[in-house]
Amino acid sequence: MFDDILKNILKERFTGLVEKLKEKHLQLGMKASGDWLNSLELEVTGNKVIIKANHYTQYLTKGRPPGKRPIIKKMMRYVKYKFGYTGERAKRAAFRMANKIAKEGTRHYPQGTDLVDGVIYKEAIKELNLKIGTLASFELNKILTRQLQTA
């Protein structure tokens, strides 16, 4: 019974953190197709919490170093959603961007962004732990009181 209560508390608190990640993503002007926002997923198993997102989260947080050129098809999709380009214009823009990334990296490399670190940081985790601990303690107290009353 307490495990279910803890799981619900964790879900509730970390759902708020996921919403803050979405807000930060929008605030940083990173939204293109909305795929990243839609990929955010909260998984609570026992007392373990995992926040999942698309594989390219690493590029959103740390930037992409120069080197290999991004896939043109994916870059075309990006410019379509980000800038509204289609057809030949999208293809040209995608090639230019892919070549520039291959040569220079993305604008967030190497300094990165605070997409994740700006939301999930030590103080936020401490605050969550405190709130979760308080709520869990309160719920456990209610359970024990009920059990004592029925005994």
Protein backbone atom coordinates (compact mmCIF):
# COMPACT_ATOMS: atom_id res chain seq x y z
CA MET A 1 0.00 0.00 0.00
CA PHE A 2 2.78 2.44 0.92
CA ASP A 3 4.62 1.54 -2.31
CA ASP A 4 1.60 2.72 -4.33
CA ILE A 5 1.43 5.94 -2.35
CA LEU A 6 5.16 6.56 -2.84
CA LYS A 7 4.85 5.82 -6.56
CA ASN A 8 1.97 8.31 -6.88
CA ILE A 9 3.91 10.96 -4.95
CA LEU A 10 6.96 10.46 -7.18
CA LYS A 11 4.82 10.62 -10.32
CA GLU A 12 3.13 13.80 -9.18
CA ARG A 13 6.35 15.58 -8.21
CA PHE A 14 8.39 14.50 -11.21
CA THR A 15 5.58 15.25 -13.64
CA GLY A 16 6.06 18.86 -12.54
CA LEU A 17 9.75 18.55 -13.35
CA VAL A 18 8.95 17.20 -16.82
CA GLU A 19 6.64 20.18 -17.38
CA LYS A 20 9.48 22.51 -16.38
CA LEU A 21 11.75 20.79 -18.91
CA LYS A 22 9.15 21.46 -21.59
CA GLU A 23 8.88 25.11 -20.56
CA LYS A 24 12.68 25.50 -20.64
CA HIS A 25 12.85 23.91 -24.10
CA LEU A 26 10.34 26.46 -25.40
CA GLN A 27 12.02 29.31 -23.53
CA LEU A 28 15.35 28.48 -25.21
CA GLY A 29 13.66 28.59 -28.63
CA MET A 30 14.57 24.97 -29.40
CA LYS A 31 11.18 23.77 -30.60
CA ALA A 32 11.02 22.70 -34.23
CA SER A 33 8.67 19.76 -34.86
CA GLY A 34 7.70 19.26 -31.24
CA ASP A 35 9.07 15.70 -31.30
CA TRP A 36 11.36 16.31 -28.34
CA LEU A 37 8.54 17.73 -26.24
CA ASN A 38 6.35 14.75 -27.13
CA SER A 39 9.15 12.29 -26.41
CA LEU A 40 9.48 13.29 -22.76
CA GLU A 41 8.27 10.39 -20.69
CA LEU A 42 8.24 9.74 -16.98
CA GLU A 43 8.79 6.19 -15.76
CA VAL A 44 8.39 5.37 -12.07
CA THR A 45 9.32 1.89 -10.91
CA GLY A 46 9.40 1.33 -7.17
CA ASN A 47 11.43 4.24 -5.83
CA LYS A 48 13.30 4.78 -9.12
CA VAL A 49 12.38 7.64 -11.46
CA ILE A 50 13.55 7.86 -15.07
CA ILE A 51 12.84 10.76 -17.41
CA LYS A 52 13.20 9.61 -21.02
CA ALA A 53 13.56 11.78 -24.12
CA ASN A 54 14.67 11.47 -27.74
CA HIS A 55 18.25 10.39 -28.38
CA TYR A 56 19.26 13.86 -29.58
CA THR A 57 18.78 15.36 -26.12
CA GLN A 58 22.56 15.24 -25.85
CA TYR A 59 22.83 17.69 -28.76
CA LEU A 60 20.24 20.00 -27.24
CA THR A 61 22.12 20.10 -23.94
CA LYS A 62 25.78 19.93 -25.04
CA GLY A 63 25.67 20.98 -28.65
CA ARG A 64 27.18 18.95 -31.47
CA PRO A 65 30.89 19.03 -32.18
CA PRO A 66 32.26 19.46 -35.70
CA GLY A 67 32.94 16.28 -37.63
CA LYS A 68 30.43 14.06 -39.33
CA ARG A 69 27.72 15.82 -41.33
CA PRO A 70 24.16 15.38 -40.04
CA ILE A 71 21.74 13.38 -42.19
CA ILE A 72 20.27 15.67 -44.85
CA LYS A 73 16.82 14.11 -44.68
CA LYS A 74 16.63 14.88 -40.95
CA MET A 75 17.97 18.39 -41.54
CA MET A 76 15.26 18.95 -44.18
CA ARG A 77 12.63 17.96 -41.67
CA TYR A 78 14.19 20.37 -39.15
CA VAL A 79 14.18 23.36 -41.52
CA LYS A 80 10.62 22.56 -42.56
CA TYR A 81 9.37 22.78 -38.98
CA LYS A 82 11.74 25.46 -37.73
CA PHE A 83 11.59 27.85 -40.68
CA GLY A 84 8.65 26.65 -42.77
CA TYR A 85 10.87 25.83 -45.76
CA THR A 86 9.76 23.18 -48.23
CA GLY A 87 10.94 21.68 -51.51
CA GLU A 88 14.17 22.91 -53.03
CA ARG A 89 14.51 25.74 -50.53
CA ALA A 90 14.42 23.26 -47.64
CA LYS A 91 16.97 21.05 -49.38
CA ARG A 92 19.40 23.93 -49.94
CA ALA A 93 19.00 25.16 -46.36
CA ALA A 94 19.46 21.63 -45.01
CA PHE A 95 22.69 21.16 -47.01
CA ARG A 96 24.06 24.53 -45.86
CA MET A 97 23.22 23.80 -42.21
CA ALA A 98 24.57 20.24 -42.35
CA ASN A 99 27.84 21.41 -43.91
CA LYS A 100 28.20 24.20 -41.37
CA ILE A 101 27.58 21.78 -38.48
CA ALA A 102 30.14 19.36 -39.94
CA LYS A 103 32.68 22.19 -40.14
CA GLU A 104 31.95 24.19 -36.95
CA GLY A 105 29.56 22.20 -34.79
CA THR A 106 26.29 23.63 -33.55
CA ARG A 107 25.97 27.02 -31.90
CA HIS A 108 25.71 25.40 -28.46
CA TYR A 109 29.00 23.52 -28.79
CA PRO A 110 31.12 23.38 -26.61
CA GLN A 111 29.48 25.52 -23.90
CA GLY A 112 26.15 23.67 -24.00
CA THR A 113 22.79 24.91 -22.76
CA ASP A 114 21.01 24.80 -19.44
CA LEU A 115 18.06 22.86 -20.87
CA VAL A 116 18.46 19.99 -18.41
CA ASP A 117 20.88 21.42 -15.86
CA GLY A 118 18.80 24.58 -15.55
CA VAL A 119 15.81 22.51 -14.47
CA ILE A 120 17.32 19.45 -12.80
CA TYR A 121 20.01 20.64 -10.44
CA LYS A 122 21.04 19.83 -6.88
CA GLU A 123 18.72 22.36 -5.23
CA ALA A 124 15.71 21.18 -7.24
CA ILE A 125 16.46 17.58 -6.31
CA LYS A 126 16.89 18.53 -2.64
CA GLU A 127 13.58 20.39 -2.73
CA LEU A 128 11.87 17.41 -4.37
CA ASN A 129 13.36 15.04 -1.80
CA LEU A 130 12.14 17.25 1.02
CA LYS A 131 8.62 17.52 -0.42
CA ILE A 132 8.48 13.81 -1.22
CA GLY A 133 9.80 12.93 2.23
CA THR A 134 7.23 15.16 3.91
CA LEU A 135 4.36 13.81 1.81
CA ALA A 136 5.50 10.21 2.25
CA SER A 137 5.79 10.71 6.00
CA PHE A 138 2.30 12.23 6.10
CA GLU A 139 0.82 9.36 4.06
CA LEU A 140 2.60 6.74 6.17
CA ASN A 141 1.28 8.42 9.33
CA LYS A 142 -2.29 8.27 7.92
CA ILE A 143 -1.90 4.56 7.12
CA LEU A 144 -0.52 3.75 10.57
CA THR A 145 -3.24 5.80 12.27
CA ARG A 146 -5.93 3.96 10.28
CA GLN A 147 -4.39 0.62 11.17
CA LEU A 148 -4.21 1.54 14.85
CA GLN A 149 -7.85 2.64 14.84
CA THR A 150 -9.05 -0.59 13.26
CA ALA A 151 -7.00 -2.79 15.59
